[in-house]
Amino acid sequence: MSKGFTVTANIDIPVHLKRIHNDAFWKFAANEWKRLYTPWVPYRTGTLSQQTTITPGEISHTVPYAYKTYNGIGMHFRKNKHPLASAEWDKAAEPSQKGKLIDAMQNYVDSGRLKL
């Protein structure tokens, strides 16, 4: 039986965005966050990055080795082939990608797609 792993990012987003209770908005945010942190996900065949389940506010990497890879258990990430690859890829991406995520979320709100 395969076991997946869920990444729950606790990014400090602006208070007014935290107050939004809209599944479409949070699914958009999860999709956008996955897109932004994907360059940090270790990559050999692409399966770890591609086999995901995205629900509002949650990204689950569903391959059996996702937990060990995320936590870096027994891993050595070859920087010559994939320089950004790291354990805890969401945390590694946060310093450079958090602002982009917040901008995308704000643009979603500003576009009128959010029905409150």
Protein backbone atom coordinates (compact mmCIF):
# COMPACT_ATOMS: atom_id res chain seq x y z
CA MET A 1 0.00 0.00 0.00
CA SER A 2 1.42 3.36 -0.94
CA LYS A 3 1.60 6.18 1.52
CA GLY A 4 1.46 9.84 0.66
CA PHE A 5 2.64 12.94 2.38
CA THR A 6 0.91 16.27 2.83
CA VAL A 7 2.73 19.58 2.77
CA THR A 8 1.05 22.18 4.91
CA ALA A 9 2.74 25.53 4.52
CA ASN A 10 2.31 28.05 7.28
CA ILE A 11 3.16 31.17 5.34
CA ASP A 12 2.39 34.38 7.14
CA ILE A 13 -0.05 35.95 4.72
CA PRO A 14 -1.73 39.30 5.24
CA VAL A 15 -4.57 39.27 7.75
CA HIS A 16 -7.22 40.30 5.23
CA LEU A 17 -6.40 37.26 3.06
CA LYS A 18 -6.57 34.90 6.06
CA ARG A 19 -10.19 35.91 6.61
CA ILE A 20 -11.31 34.54 3.26
CA HIS A 21 -13.35 31.36 3.56
CA ASN A 22 -13.71 30.32 -0.06
CA ASP A 23 -12.63 26.89 -1.32
CA ALA A 24 -11.96 28.08 -4.89
CA PHE A 25 -9.63 30.79 -3.58
CA TRP A 26 -7.68 28.42 -1.33
CA LYS A 27 -7.44 25.79 -4.07
CA PHE A 28 -6.05 28.51 -6.35
CA ALA A 29 -3.55 29.45 -3.62
CA ALA A 30 -2.46 25.81 -3.18
CA ASN A 31 -2.01 25.37 -6.95
CA GLU A 32 -0.03 28.58 -7.14
CA TRP A 33 2.17 27.63 -4.19
CA LYS A 34 2.92 24.23 -5.75
CA ARG A 35 3.87 25.95 -9.00
CA LEU A 36 6.17 28.34 -7.14
CA TYR A 37 7.95 25.74 -4.99
CA THR A 38 8.28 23.05 -7.68
CA PRO A 39 11.85 24.10 -8.64
CA TRP A 40 12.94 23.05 -5.11
CA VAL A 41 11.30 19.60 -5.26
CA PRO A 42 13.96 16.91 -5.83
CA TYR A 43 13.62 15.59 -9.36
CA ARG A 44 14.78 12.39 -10.97
CA THR A 45 11.77 11.26 -13.00
CA GLY A 46 9.33 14.00 -11.99
CA THR A 47 6.97 11.63 -10.22
CA LEU A 48 7.34 13.28 -6.80
CA SER A 49 6.39 16.66 -8.20
CA GLN A 50 3.68 15.41 -10.54
CA GLN A 51 1.78 12.98 -8.32
CA THR A 52 -0.06 15.36 -6.07
CA THR A 53 -3.54 15.92 -4.81
CA ILE A 54 -4.50 19.54 -4.30
CA THR A 55 -7.42 20.56 -2.13
CA PRO A 56 -8.25 23.99 -0.71
CA GLY A 57 -5.15 25.07 1.21
CA GLU A 58 -3.40 21.70 1.03
CA ILE A 59 -0.96 19.94 -1.26
CA SER A 60 -0.41 16.19 -0.87
CA HIS A 61 2.52 14.50 -2.58
CA THR A 62 1.18 10.98 -3.02
CA VAL A 63 4.23 8.87 -3.89
CA PRO A 64 5.35 6.39 -1.21
CA TYR A 65 8.75 8.03 -0.72
CA ALA A 66 7.44 11.61 -0.37
CA TYR A 67 7.74 11.72 3.44
CA LYS A 68 11.36 10.53 3.49
CA THR A 69 12.32 12.85 0.67
CA TYR A 70 10.61 15.86 2.23
CA ASN A 71 12.38 15.25 5.53
CA GLY A 72 15.69 14.41 3.83
CA ILE A 73 15.86 10.98 5.47
CA GLY A 74 18.70 9.10 3.80
CA MET A 75 18.81 11.61 0.96
CA HIS A 76 21.68 13.30 -0.81
CA PHE A 77 20.43 15.87 -3.31
CA ARG A 78 22.80 16.23 -6.24
CA LYS A 79 23.23 19.95 -6.79
CA ASN A 80 25.07 19.48 -10.10
CA LYS A 81 21.91 18.10 -11.73
CA HIS A 82 19.27 20.02 -9.77
CA PRO A 83 20.79 22.98 -7.89
CA LEU A 84 17.67 23.99 -5.94
CA ALA A 85 16.65 20.49 -4.80
CA SER A 86 16.23 20.29 -1.05
CA ALA A 87 14.37 18.68 1.78
CA GLU A 88 11.46 20.77 3.08
CA TRP A 89 11.18 22.30 -0.38
CA ASP A 90 8.29 24.58 0.59
CA LYS A 91 10.36 26.16 3.37
CA ALA A 92 13.38 26.45 1.07
CA ALA A 93 11.27 28.27 -1.53
CA GLU A 94 9.52 30.60 0.91
CA PRO A 95 12.15 33.39 1.13
CA SER A 96 12.12 34.02 -2.62
CA GLN A 97 8.57 32.93 -3.49
CA LYS A 98 6.35 34.10 -0.62
CA GLY A 99 5.90 37.57 -2.09
CA LYS A 100 4.90 36.09 -5.44
CA LEU A 101 2.29 33.91 -3.75
CA ILE A 102 0.83 36.85 -1.85
CA ASP A 103 0.75 38.93 -5.05
CA ALA A 104 -1.05 36.13 -6.89
CA MET A 105 -3.58 35.79 -4.09
CA GLN A 106 -4.18 39.55 -4.03
CA ASN A 107 -4.55 39.58 -7.83
CA TYR A 108 -7.15 36.82 -7.53
CA VAL A 109 -9.13 38.97 -5.11
CA ASP A 110 -8.68 42.11 -7.23
CA SER A 111 -9.77 40.32 -10.42
CA GLY A 112 -13.30 39.87 -9.12
CA ARG A 113 -13.13 36.06 -9.25
CA LEU A 114 -13.64 35.91 -5.50
CA LYS A 115 -17.31 35.95 -4.63
CA LEU A 116 -17.72 36.82 -0.97
